[in-house]
Protein backbone atom coordinates (compact mmCIF):
# COMPACT_ATOMS: atom_id res chain seq x y z
CA UNK A 1 78.93 109.36 101.11
CA UNK A 2 76.98 112.46 100.28
CA UNK A 3 78.80 115.66 99.31
CA UNK A 4 77.84 119.32 99.46
CA UNK A 5 75.67 120.57 96.46
CA UNK A 6 77.67 122.17 93.60
CA UNK A 7 76.10 125.59 93.06
CA UNK A 8 77.44 125.63 89.44
CA UNK A 9 75.18 122.61 88.50
CA UNK A 10 71.80 123.04 87.12
CA UNK A 11 68.79 121.85 89.18
CA UNK A 12 68.50 118.87 86.82
CA UNK A 13 72.15 117.98 87.21
CA UNK A 14 71.95 118.32 90.99
CA UNK A 15 69.03 115.96 91.05
CA UNK A 16 70.81 113.42 88.90
CA UNK A 17 73.84 113.70 91.11
CA UNK A 18 71.63 113.32 94.29
CA UNK A 19 69.96 110.18 92.83
CA UNK A 20 73.23 108.66 91.89
CA UNK A 21 74.64 109.27 95.40
CA UNK A 22 71.51 107.69 96.93
CA UNK A 23 72.15 104.49 94.82
CA UNK A 24 75.80 104.40 95.85
CA UNK A 25 74.83 104.81 99.48
CA UNK A 26 72.32 101.92 99.14
CA UNK A 27 74.99 99.85 97.27
CA UNK A 28 77.49 100.40 100.06
CA UNK A 29 75.01 99.25 102.64
CA UNK A 30 73.97 96.20 100.79
CA UNK A 31 77.53 95.10 99.90
CA UNK A 32 78.55 95.61 103.57
CA UNK A 33 75.58 93.45 104.81
CA UNK A 34 75.53 90.68 102.09
CA UNK A 35 79.05 90.74 100.46
CA UNK A 36 79.45 91.28 96.75
CA UNK A 37 78.54 87.75 95.59
CA UNK A 38 75.20 87.63 97.56
CA UNK A 39 74.11 91.28 96.89
CA UNK A 40 71.48 91.74 94.31
CA UNK A 41 70.32 94.65 92.19
CA UNK A 42 66.84 94.15 93.65
CA UNK A 43 67.98 94.72 97.22
CA UNK A 44 70.03 97.76 96.16
CA UNK A 45 67.10 99.19 94.16
CA UNK A 46 64.74 98.65 97.15
CA UNK A 47 67.15 100.24 99.66
CA UNK A 48 67.65 103.24 97.33
CA UNK A 49 63.85 103.41 96.75
CA UNK A 50 64.26 103.44 93.00
CA UNK A 51 63.09 100.98 90.32
CA UNK A 52 65.67 98.43 89.00
CA UNK A 53 65.43 100.06 85.61
CA UNK A 54 66.33 103.39 87.01
CA UNK A 55 69.41 101.79 88.44
CA UNK A 56 70.47 100.65 85.05
CA UNK A 57 69.99 104.20 83.70
CA UNK A 58 72.80 105.36 86.08
CA UNK A 59 74.91 102.25 86.12
CA UNK A 60 74.55 100.36 82.79
CA UNK A 61 76.98 97.68 84.01
CA UNK A 62 74.66 96.71 86.86
CA UNK A 63 76.08 95.28 90.13
CA UNK A 64 79.73 95.20 88.93
CA UNK A 65 79.64 98.86 87.89
CA UNK A 66 78.10 99.81 91.12
CA UNK A 67 80.70 97.90 93.11
CA UNK A 68 83.49 99.63 91.24
CA UNK A 69 81.92 103.00 91.81
CA UNK A 70 81.71 102.11 95.56
CA UNK A 71 85.43 101.13 95.55
CA UNK A 72 86.24 104.39 93.70
CA UNK A 73 84.37 106.41 96.32
CA UNK A 74 86.13 104.62 99.20
CA UNK A 75 89.51 105.36 97.48
CA UNK A 76 88.60 109.03 97.22
CA UNK A 77 87.76 109.06 100.92
CA UNK A 78 91.17 107.68 101.68
CA UNK A 79 92.85 110.16 99.48
CA UNK A 80 90.93 112.91 101.28
CA UNK A 81 92.24 111.53 104.59
CA UNK A 82 95.86 111.66 103.34
CA UNK A 83 95.44 115.15 102.10
CA UNK A 84 93.86 116.25 105.39
CA UNK A 85 96.52 114.74 107.57
CA UNK A 86 99.70 115.06 105.42
CA UNK A 87 99.21 118.01 103.15
CA UNK A 88 97.46 120.23 105.67
CA UNK A 89 100.07 119.31 108.41
CA UNK A 90 101.81 122.43 109.82
CA UNK A 91 105.34 123.02 108.64
CA UNK A 92 108.06 121.63 110.88
CA UNK A 93 105.90 118.90 112.30
CA UNK A 94 107.94 115.59 112.53
CA UNK A 95 106.80 113.07 109.84
CA UNK A 96 106.63 110.40 112.61
CA UNK A 97 103.89 112.44 114.39
CA UNK A 98 102.00 112.87 111.18
CA UNK A 99 102.16 109.23 110.26
CA UNK A 100 100.97 108.43 113.79
CA UNK A 101 97.94 110.60 113.36
CA UNK A 102 97.17 109.17 109.97
CA UNK A 103 97.37 105.58 111.28
CA UNK A 104 95.00 106.45 114.17
CA UNK A 105 92.38 108.19 111.79
CA UNK A 106 92.72 105.25 109.24
CA UNK A 107 91.80 102.72 111.81
CA UNK A 108 89.00 104.83 113.09
CA UNK A 109 87.58 105.17 109.49
CA UNK A 110 87.89 101.39 109.09
CA UNK A 111 86.18 100.72 112.46
CA UNK A 112 83.21 102.86 111.36
CA UNK A 113 82.62 100.84 108.24
CA UNK A 114 84.52 97.52 108.84
CA UNK A 115 81.98 95.25 107.14
CA UNK A 116 82.32 97.21 103.85
CA UNK A 117 86.16 97.34 104.34
CA UNK A 118 86.29 93.52 104.57
CA UNK A 119 84.13 93.10 101.43
CA UNK A 120 86.29 95.53 99.49
CA UNK A 121 89.59 93.83 100.59
CA UNK A 122 88.20 90.38 99.87
CA UNK A 123 87.05 91.29 96.36
CA UNK A 124 90.29 92.94 95.54
CA UNK A 125 92.20 89.89 96.60
CA UNK A 126 89.96 87.63 94.52
CA UNK A 127 90.31 89.79 91.42
CA UNK A 128 94.14 90.13 91.91
CA UNK A 129 94.46 86.36 91.22
CA UNK A 130 91.96 86.22 88.42
CA UNK A 131 92.37 86.64 84.63
CA UNK A 132 89.96 89.70 84.59
CA UNK A 133 92.45 92.03 83.07
CA UNK A 134 90.18 95.06 82.94
CA UNK A 135 89.22 94.84 86.59
CA UNK A 136 92.74 94.13 87.71
CA UNK A 137 93.94 97.29 85.83
CA UNK A 138 91.09 99.35 87.44
CA UNK A 139 92.25 98.27 91.02
CA UNK A 140 95.87 98.86 90.20
CA UNK A 141 95.09 102.36 89.03
CA UNK A 142 93.13 103.01 92.18
CA UNK A 143 96.10 101.90 94.27
CA UNK A 144 98.52 104.00 92.23
CA UNK A 145 96.21 107.05 92.67
CA UNK A 146 96.16 106.57 96.48
CA UNK A 147 99.83 106.01 96.83
CA UNK A 148 100.53 108.89 94.55
CA UNK A 149 98.81 111.19 97.08
CA UNK A 150 101.40 110.11 99.70
CA UNK A 151 104.57 109.71 97.64
CA UNK A 152 105.38 113.45 97.32
CA UNK A 153 105.25 113.83 101.08
CA UNK A 154 107.64 110.90 101.62
CA UNK A 155 110.00 112.25 98.92
CA UNK A 156 110.17 115.71 100.58
CA UNK A 157 110.89 114.06 103.92
CA UNK A 158 113.80 112.14 102.25
CA UNK A 159 115.08 115.36 100.61
CA UNK A 160 115.11 116.93 104.13
CA UNK A 161 116.99 113.91 105.55
CA UNK A 162 114.13 113.22 107.87
CA UNK A 163 113.90 109.61 106.73
CA UNK A 164 116.34 107.33 104.92
CA UNK A 165 116.36 107.68 101.11
CA UNK A 166 114.42 104.72 99.66
CA UNK A 167 111.86 104.32 97.01
CA UNK A 168 108.96 106.57 98.31
CA UNK A 169 106.52 104.25 96.44
CA UNK A 170 107.93 101.24 98.15
CA UNK A 171 107.59 102.98 101.55
CA UNK A 172 104.04 104.07 100.86
CA UNK A 173 103.24 100.53 99.76
CA UNK A 174 104.71 99.09 102.97
CA UNK A 175 102.64 101.44 105.02
CA UNK A 176 99.37 100.69 103.33
CA UNK A 177 100.00 96.90 103.21
CA UNK A 178 100.56 96.95 106.93
CA UNK A 179 97.41 99.04 107.55
CA UNK A 180 95.22 96.68 105.45
CA UNK A 181 96.77 93.59 106.95
CA UNK A 182 96.23 94.78 110.65
CA UNK A 183 92.72 95.95 109.96
CA UNK A 184 91.68 92.68 108.09
CA UNK A 185 93.28 90.55 110.76
CA UNK A 186 91.38 92.22 113.56
CA UNK A 187 88.05 92.00 111.76
CA UNK A 188 88.54 88.34 110.93
CA UNK A 189 89.50 87.45 114.52
CA UNK A 190 86.68 89.37 116.08
CA UNK A 191 87.29 90.08 119.77
CA UNK A 192 88.68 86.73 120.60
CA UNK A 193 92.37 87.11 119.59
CA UNK A 194 94.91 85.38 121.86
CA UNK A 195 97.08 87.72 123.93
CA UNK A 196 100.58 88.48 122.82
CA UNK A 197 102.64 89.02 125.92
CA UNK A 198 101.55 90.70 129.18
CA UNK A 199 100.19 93.82 127.42
CA UNK A 200 97.87 91.70 125.26
CA UNK A 201 97.47 91.76 121.45
CA UNK A 202 97.38 95.08 119.59
CA UNK A 203 93.79 95.54 118.53
CA UNK A 204 93.91 98.34 115.97
CA UNK A 205 90.12 98.90 115.81
CA UNK A 206 89.72 98.83 119.55
CA UNK A 207 92.74 100.98 120.26
CA UNK A 208 93.91 102.83 117.20
CA UNK A 209 96.36 104.94 119.20
CA UNK A 210 98.14 101.91 120.48
CA UNK A 211 98.24 100.34 117.09
CA UNK A 212 99.68 103.52 115.72
CA UNK A 213 102.38 103.46 118.37
CA UNK A 214 103.32 99.91 117.29
CA UNK A 215 103.28 100.59 113.58
CA UNK A 216 105.22 103.87 113.69
CA UNK A 217 107.85 102.33 115.98
CA UNK A 218 108.35 99.49 113.50
CA UNK A 219 108.53 101.79 110.47
CA UNK A 220 110.68 104.46 112.01
CA UNK A 221 112.86 102.34 114.36
CA UNK A 222 112.86 98.91 112.85
CA UNK A 223 113.42 95.76 114.73
CA UNK A 224 117.04 96.27 115.70
CA UNK A 225 118.08 97.16 119.24
CA UNK A 226 120.36 100.06 120.10
CA UNK A 227 122.83 101.02 117.36
CA UNK A 228 122.38 97.78 115.43
CA UNK A 229 120.05 99.41 112.82
CA UNK A 230 122.47 102.31 112.05
CA UNK A 231 125.41 99.93 111.88
CA UNK A 232 123.82 97.82 109.18
CA UNK A 233 122.58 100.81 107.15
């Protein structure tokens, strides 16, 4: 995703940055269409309108390095969304409302690039159960970075007794695991999911607001009815 030109860079540096971004944009498109395994550098180079050799000048590791760069860029976009919603939230706004807004905007973001989202999730799961230590560490650091953006917000909410005092990292993990799971489940099912009760299944990418209602209710109210949740706390 292209960013605004940095006036502090020289013309040559700006051109190099522009070229790199064009390659990343092309890689995102090809990975989304073909998947990681079937994507080729030839396709990416053709889409970016550069020679294959030029691609290697920017990404010496070839397809793998390009994929990691695409994943890093997607992580930065998610971090940016967290900062926009949580860190720029007006003082005094209930955390529940802020989480609701974040969930809605997350599903909107996934909906706009769901093919790429599915490829990224699939590849992360594949690597997580592999013996590729270096790549496993890369994805773990990416996750820690994203979670670390949200953890201070949760810790502050705990300090203000707005939510129960638990591990803020654990809470952030639960939120993101739920989001990924709901988004992935919807994409894999397509639009042919069975209904779940008279209101039908919650389709997060079709109705992000309804999905946010369901997830925030589960996170903030739990499954217990009435005073049962407070009695067991």
